[in-house]
C-alpha atoms as a PDB file:
ATOM      1  CA  UNK A   1     -67.746  -5.477 -32.309  1.00  0.00           C
ATOM      2  CA  UNK A   2     -65.561  -5.481 -35.150  1.00  0.00           C
ATOM      3  CA  UNK A   3     -62.495  -3.937 -36.099  1.00  0.00           C
ATOM      4  CA  UNK A   4     -61.915  -3.814 -40.054  1.00  0.00           C
ATOM      5  CA  UNK A   5     -59.975  -1.624 -42.646  1.00  0.00           C
ATOM      6  CA  UNK A   6     -61.016   1.868 -42.271  1.00  0.00           C
ATOM      7  CA  UNK A   7     -63.377   2.750 -45.412  1.00  0.00           C
ATOM      8  CA  UNK A   8     -63.045   6.692 -47.527  1.00  0.00           C
ATOM      9  CA  UNK A   9     -66.791   7.242 -46.003  1.00  0.00           C
ATOM     10  CA  UNK A  10     -65.508   5.963 -42.516  1.00  0.00           C
ATOM     11  CA  UNK A  11     -62.712   9.421 -42.239  1.00  0.00           C
ATOM     12  CA  UNK A  12     -65.111  12.161 -41.480  1.00  0.00           C
ATOM     13  CA  UNK A  13     -67.109  10.015 -38.620  1.00  0.00           C
ATOM     14  CA  UNK A  14     -63.450   8.787 -37.531  1.00  0.00           C
ATOM     15  CA  UNK A  15     -63.564  12.724 -37.261  1.00  0.00           C
ATOM     16  CA  UNK A  16     -66.189  13.119 -35.457  1.00  0.00           C
ATOM     17  CA  UNK A  17     -65.500  11.836 -32.158  1.00  0.00           C
ATOM     18  CA  UNK A  18     -64.397  13.061 -28.941  1.00  0.00           C
ATOM     19  CA  UNK A  19     -60.931  11.670 -27.977  1.00  0.00           C
ATOM     20  CA  UNK A  20     -60.649  13.465 -24.555  1.00  0.00           C
ATOM     21  CA  UNK A  21     -60.040  11.786 -21.267  1.00  0.00           C
ATOM     22  CA  UNK A  22     -60.082  12.413 -17.637  1.00  0.00           C
ATOM     23  CA  UNK A  23     -57.420  11.341 -15.693  1.00  0.00           C
ATOM     24  CA  UNK A  24     -56.930  11.768 -11.522  1.00  0.00           C
ATOM     25  CA  UNK A  25     -53.194  11.060 -12.218  1.00  0.00           C
ATOM     26  CA  UNK A  26     -49.852  12.335 -14.564  1.00  0.00           C
ATOM     27  CA  UNK A  27     -46.243  11.315 -14.715  1.00  0.00           C
ATOM     28  CA  UNK A  28     -44.471  13.972 -13.256  1.00  0.00           C
ATOM     29  CA  UNK A  29     -40.707  14.705 -14.859  1.00  0.00           C
ATOM     30  CA  UNK A  30     -37.516  14.372 -12.922  1.00  0.00           C
ATOM     31  CA  UNK A  31     -34.358  15.350 -14.252  1.00  0.00           C
ATOM     32  CA  UNK A  32     -31.020  15.520 -12.348  1.00  0.00           C
ATOM     33  CA  UNK A  33     -28.103  16.499 -14.060  1.00  0.00           C
ATOM     34  CA  UNK A  34     -24.663  16.062 -12.694  1.00  0.00           C
ATOM     35  CA  UNK A  35     -20.723  16.178 -14.273  1.00  0.00           C
ATOM     36  CA  UNK A  36     -20.712  12.338 -14.945  1.00  0.00           C
ATOM     37  CA  UNK A  37     -24.632  11.784 -15.350  1.00  0.00           C
ATOM     38  CA  UNK A  38     -27.859  12.452 -16.033  1.00  0.00           C
ATOM     39  CA  UNK A  39     -30.977  10.857 -14.410  1.00  0.00           C
ATOM     40  CA  UNK A  40     -34.688  11.796 -15.648  1.00  0.00           C
ATOM     41  CA  UNK A  41     -37.282   9.932 -13.963  1.00  0.00           C
ATOM     42  CA  UNK A  42     -41.257  10.033 -14.075  1.00  0.00           C
ATOM     43  CA  UNK A  43     -43.463   9.363 -11.238  1.00  0.00           C
ATOM     44  CA  UNK A  44     -46.737   8.870 -11.415  1.00  0.00           C
ATOM     45  CA  UNK A  45     -48.399  12.075  -9.342  1.00  0.00           C
ATOM     46  CA  UNK A  46     -52.440  11.857  -8.053  1.00  0.00           C
ATOM     47  CA  UNK A  47     -53.363  15.619  -9.395  1.00  0.00           C
ATOM     48  CA  UNK A  48     -55.482  17.340  -6.395  1.00  0.00           C
ATOM     49  CA  UNK A  49     -58.893  16.935  -8.990  1.00  0.00           C
ATOM     50  CA  UNK A  50     -59.545  15.430 -12.218  1.00  0.00           C
ATOM     51  CA  UNK A  51     -58.378  17.000 -15.083  1.00  0.00           C
ATOM     52  CA  UNK A  52     -60.039  16.817 -18.809  1.00  0.00           C
ATOM     53  CA  UNK A  53     -57.799  17.065 -21.691  1.00  0.00           C
ATOM     54  CA  UNK A  54     -58.688  17.195 -24.784  1.00  0.00           C
ATOM     55  CA  UNK A  55     -57.094  14.909 -27.572  1.00  0.00           C
ATOM     56  CA  UNK A  56     -53.780  16.293 -28.320  1.00  0.00           C
ATOM     57  CA  UNK A  57     -53.406  16.211 -32.279  1.00  0.00           C
ATOM     58  CA  UNK A  58     -55.254  17.103 -35.125  1.00  0.00           C
ATOM     59  CA  UNK A  59     -57.648  14.630 -37.202  1.00  0.00           C
ATOM     60  CA  UNK A  60     -56.497  16.493 -40.681  1.00  0.00           C
ATOM     61  CA  UNK A  61     -53.893  13.479 -41.741  1.00  0.00           C
ATOM     62  CA  UNK A  62     -56.006  10.927 -41.843  1.00  0.00           C
ATOM     63  CA  UNK A  63     -57.321  11.144 -45.758  1.00  0.00           C
ATOM     64  CA  UNK A  64     -53.216  11.042 -46.587  1.00  0.00           C
ATOM     65  CA  UNK A  65     -53.011   8.241 -43.978  1.00  0.00           C
ATOM     66  CA  UNK A  66     -55.766   6.108 -45.306  1.00  0.00           C
ATOM     67  CA  UNK A  67     -54.373   6.941 -48.918  1.00  0.00           C
ATOM     68  CA  UNK A  68     -51.141   4.710 -48.339  1.00  0.00           C
ATOM     69  CA  UNK A  69     -52.811   1.754 -47.704  1.00  0.00           C
ATOM     70  CA  UNK A  70     -50.595   1.262 -44.376  1.00  0.00           C
ATOM     71  CA  UNK A  71     -52.453   0.694 -41.183  1.00  0.00           C
ATOM     72  CA  UNK A  72     -55.415   2.425 -40.682  1.00  0.00           C
ATOM     73  CA  UNK A  73     -57.949   0.637 -38.227  1.00  0.00           C
ATOM     74  CA  UNK A  74     -61.974   1.064 -37.671  1.00  0.00           C
ATOM     75  CA  UNK A  75     -63.865  -0.700 -34.478  1.00  0.00           C
ATOM     76  CA  UNK A  76     -67.309  -0.740 -35.337  1.00  0.00           C
ATOM     77  CA  UNK A  77     -70.449  -1.612 -33.484  1.00  0.00           C
ATOM     78  CA  UNK A  78     -73.736  -2.123 -34.762  1.00  0.00           C
ATOM     79  CA  UNK A  79     -73.163   0.474 -37.441  1.00  0.00           C
ATOM     80  CA  UNK A  80     -71.473   3.190 -35.142  1.00  0.00           C
ATOM     81  CA  UNK A  81     -67.614   4.224 -35.643  1.00  0.00           C
ATOM     82  CA  UNK A  82     -66.434   2.928 -32.037  1.00  0.00           C
ATOM     83  CA  UNK A  83     -63.123   3.975 -32.480  1.00  0.00           C
ATOM     84  CA  UNK A  84     -60.222   4.166 -34.547  1.00  0.00           C
ATOM     85  CA  UNK A  85     -56.305   3.694 -35.133  1.00  0.00           C
ATOM     86  CA  UNK A  86     -54.108   4.743 -37.860  1.00  0.00           C
ATOM     87  CA  UNK A  87     -50.371   3.400 -37.924  1.00  0.00           C
ATOM     88  CA  UNK A  88     -47.850   4.719 -40.515  1.00  0.00           C
ATOM     89  CA  UNK A  89     -44.137   3.116 -41.403  1.00  0.00           C
ATOM     90  CA  UNK A  90     -41.173   4.050 -41.120  1.00  0.00           C
ATOM     91  CA  UNK A  91     -39.582   2.709 -43.897  1.00  0.00           C
ATOM     92  CA  UNK A  92     -35.895   3.172 -43.113  1.00  0.00           C
ATOM     93  CA  UNK A  93     -36.046   0.729 -39.308  1.00  0.00           C
ATOM     94  CA  UNK A  94     -39.684  -0.895 -40.980  1.00  0.00           C
ATOM     95  CA  UNK A  95     -41.398   0.107 -37.744  1.00  0.00           C
ATOM     96  CA  UNK A  96     -44.544   1.382 -37.114  1.00  0.00           C
ATOM     97  CA  UNK A  97     -45.881   4.342 -35.394  1.00  0.00           C
ATOM     98  CA  UNK A  98     -49.362   4.706 -34.259  1.00  0.00           C
ATOM     99  CA  UNK A  99     -50.525   8.320 -34.949  1.00  0.00           C
ATOM    100  CA  UNK A 100     -53.571   8.075 -33.489  1.00  0.00           C
ATOM    101  CA  UNK A 101     -55.411   5.505 -31.192  1.00  0.00           C
ATOM    102  CA  UNK A 102     -58.731   7.224 -30.015  1.00  0.00           C
ATOM    103  CA  UNK A 103     -62.006   5.610 -28.804  1.00  0.00           C
ATOM    104  CA  UNK A 104     -65.168   7.486 -28.642  1.00  0.00           C
ATOM    105  CA  UNK A 105     -66.540   8.122 -24.809  1.00  0.00           C
ATOM    106  CA  UNK A 106     -68.986   6.035 -25.105  1.00  0.00           C
ATOM    107  CA  UNK A 107     -66.943   3.335 -25.972  1.00  0.00           C
ATOM    108  CA  UNK A 108     -64.103   3.425 -23.335  1.00  0.00           C
ATOM    109  CA  UNK A 109     -63.660   0.223 -21.320  1.00  0.00           C
ATOM    110  CA  UNK A 110     -65.069  -2.229 -23.221  1.00  0.00           C
ATOM    111  CA  UNK A 111     -61.893  -3.445 -24.714  1.00  0.00           C
ATOM    112  CA  UNK A 112     -62.442  -1.617 -27.871  1.00  0.00           C
ATOM    113  CA  UNK A 113     -58.697  -0.334 -27.563  1.00  0.00           C
ATOM    114  CA  UNK A 114     -56.860  -3.794 -27.287  1.00  0.00           C
ATOM    115  CA  UNK A 115     -58.712  -5.104 -30.063  1.00  0.00           C
ATOM    116  CA  UNK A 116     -57.496  -2.076 -32.043  1.00  0.00           C
ATOM    117  CA  UNK A 117     -53.996  -3.039 -30.711  1.00  0.00           C
ATOM    118  CA  UNK A 118     -54.844  -6.497 -31.280  1.00  0.00           C
ATOM    119  CA  UNK A 119     -55.312  -5.929 -34.735  1.00  0.00           C
ATOM    120  CA  UNK A 120     -52.705  -3.523 -35.588  1.00  0.00           C
ATOM    121  CA  UNK A 121     -50.283  -6.050 -34.101  1.00  0.00           C
ATOM    122  CA  UNK A 122     -51.077  -8.634 -36.402  1.00  0.00           C
ATOM    123  CA  UNK A 123     -50.975  -6.575 -39.476  1.00  0.00           C
ATOM    124  CA  UNK A 124     -47.600  -5.029 -38.298  1.00  0.00           C
ATOM    125  CA  UNK A 125     -46.680  -8.925 -37.944  1.00  0.00           C
ATOM    126  CA  UNK A 126     -47.843 -10.044 -41.157  1.00  0.00           C
ATOM    127  CA  UNK A 127     -46.320  -6.694 -42.708  1.00  0.00           C
ATOM    128  CA  UNK A 128     -42.726  -8.143 -41.082  1.00  0.00           C
ATOM    129  CA  UNK A 129     -42.071  -4.851 -38.816  1.00  0.00           C
ATOM    130  CA  UNK A 130     -39.641  -4.595 -36.238  1.00  0.00           C
ATOM    131  CA  UNK A 131     -42.013  -3.040 -33.934  1.00  0.00           C
ATOM    132  CA  UNK A 132     -44.784  -1.046 -33.028  1.00  0.00           C
ATOM    133  CA  UNK A 133     -44.001   2.814 -31.390  1.00  0.00           C
ATOM    134  CA  UNK A 134     -46.804   4.540 -29.384  1.00  0.00           C
ATOM    135  CA  UNK A 135     -46.264   8.354 -28.303  1.00  0.00           C
ATOM    136  CA  UNK A 136     -48.431   8.957 -25.586  1.00  0.00           C
ATOM    137  CA  UNK A 137     -48.678  12.172 -23.530  1.00  0.00           C
ATOM    138  CA  UNK A 138     -47.719  12.181 -19.539  1.00  0.00           C
ATOM    139  CA  UNK A 139     -51.123  12.858 -18.714  1.00  0.00           C
ATOM    140  CA  UNK A 140     -52.816  10.133 -20.455  1.00  0.00           C
ATOM    141  CA  UNK A 141     -52.458   8.116 -17.653  1.00  0.00           C
ATOM    142  CA  UNK A 142     -55.045   5.670 -19.040  1.00  0.00           C
ATOM    143  CA  UNK A 143     -53.212   4.846 -21.807  1.00  0.00           C
ATOM    144  CA  UNK A 144     -49.993   4.474 -20.460  1.00  0.00           C
ATOM    145  CA  UNK A 145     -51.710   1.822 -18.007  1.00  0.00           C
ATOM    146  CA  UNK A 146     -52.894   0.006 -21.373  1.00  0.00           C
ATOM    147  CA  UNK A 147     -49.681  -0.019 -23.004  1.00  0.00           C
ATOM    148  CA  UNK A 148     -48.089  -1.303 -19.971  1.00  0.00           C
ATOM    149  CA  UNK A 149     -50.397  -3.986 -19.508  1.00  0.00           C
ATOM    150  CA  UNK A 150     -50.170  -5.334 -22.892  1.00  0.00           C
ATOM    151  CA  UNK A 151     -46.163  -5.252 -22.781  1.00  0.00           C
ATOM    152  CA  UNK A 152     -45.245  -2.378 -24.060  1.00  0.00           C
ATOM    153  CA  UNK A 153     -42.065  -0.285 -22.909  1.00  0.00           C
ATOM    154  CA  UNK A 154     -41.026   2.737 -22.051  1.00  0.00           C
ATOM    155  CA  UNK A 155     -38.202   3.683 -24.676  1.00  0.00           C
ATOM    156  CA  UNK A 156     -37.664   7.282 -24.258  1.00  0.00           C
ATOM    157  CA  UNK A 157     -39.549  10.907 -24.451  1.00  0.00           C
ATOM    158  CA  UNK A 158     -39.531  13.690 -26.476  1.00  0.00           C
ATOM    159  CA  UNK A 159     -39.781  17.237 -24.964  1.00  0.00           C
ATOM    160  CA  UNK A 160     -42.499  19.700 -26.872  1.00  0.00           C
ATOM    161  CA  UNK A 161     -43.716  16.473 -28.944  1.00  0.00           C
ATOM    162  CA  UNK A 162     -46.876  17.888 -28.653  1.00  0.00           C
ATOM    163  CA  UNK A 163     -48.868  21.430 -29.910  1.00  0.00           C
ATOM    164  CA  UNK A 164     -49.663  22.110 -26.219  1.00  0.00           C
ATOM    165  CA  UNK A 165     -46.301  21.455 -25.701  1.00  0.00           C
ATOM    166  CA  UNK A 166     -46.150  18.391 -23.520  1.00  0.00           C
ATOM    167  CA  UNK A 167     -43.583  16.043 -23.537  1.00  0.00           C
ATOM    168  CA  UNK A 168     -44.634  13.244 -25.706  1.00  0.00           C
ATOM    169  CA  UNK A 169     -43.610   9.454 -23.797  1.00  0.00           C
ATOM    170  CA  UNK A 170     -42.566   6.550 -25.733  1.00  0.00           C
ATOM    171  CA  UNK A 171     -43.829   3.267 -25.846  1.00  0.00           C
ATOM    172  CA  UNK A 172     -42.503   0.082 -28.034  1.00  0.00           C
ATOM    173  CA  UNK A 173     -43.750  -3.384 -28.810  1.00  0.00           C
ATOM    174  CA  UNK A 174     -40.594  -5.774 -30.030  1.00  0.00           C
ATOM    175  CA  UNK A 175     -42.521  -8.132 -32.927  1.00  0.00           C
END
């Protein structure tokens, strides 16, 4: 498996990857509002049956992100694109924001996401970024598990972040 900066020719192949996933768990939001406090708790909950979740973001921003020459990485195996990571830089805070981390279904659970995150973290440190942020759906239990194992911490959420109105859970790694 080789991780490298994306080429123009990779963009179409990246856009054709299947980024959907299945999960038996979701992170459910419980909110309690009292006069002196607001408490928000996310609880991992098993769903009655496995849910098939389509990839939550359009991929039509890849060309623009590639053109900026920030951090668009491809994992390639024997000439096939196994996945990609697209991270843009917030120049005011000097933080990286992962827009896409997509692993094609046939290559999942083989360490491809870890290889892409390793490369993105090296790129971010070399670019002197202060942190990397990733926003995931509460349904993305596999992604949340991966981020927690890698040392990313939960930093908050934003309501109706994704096009399907799902909240976005924000995970951050300080560099």
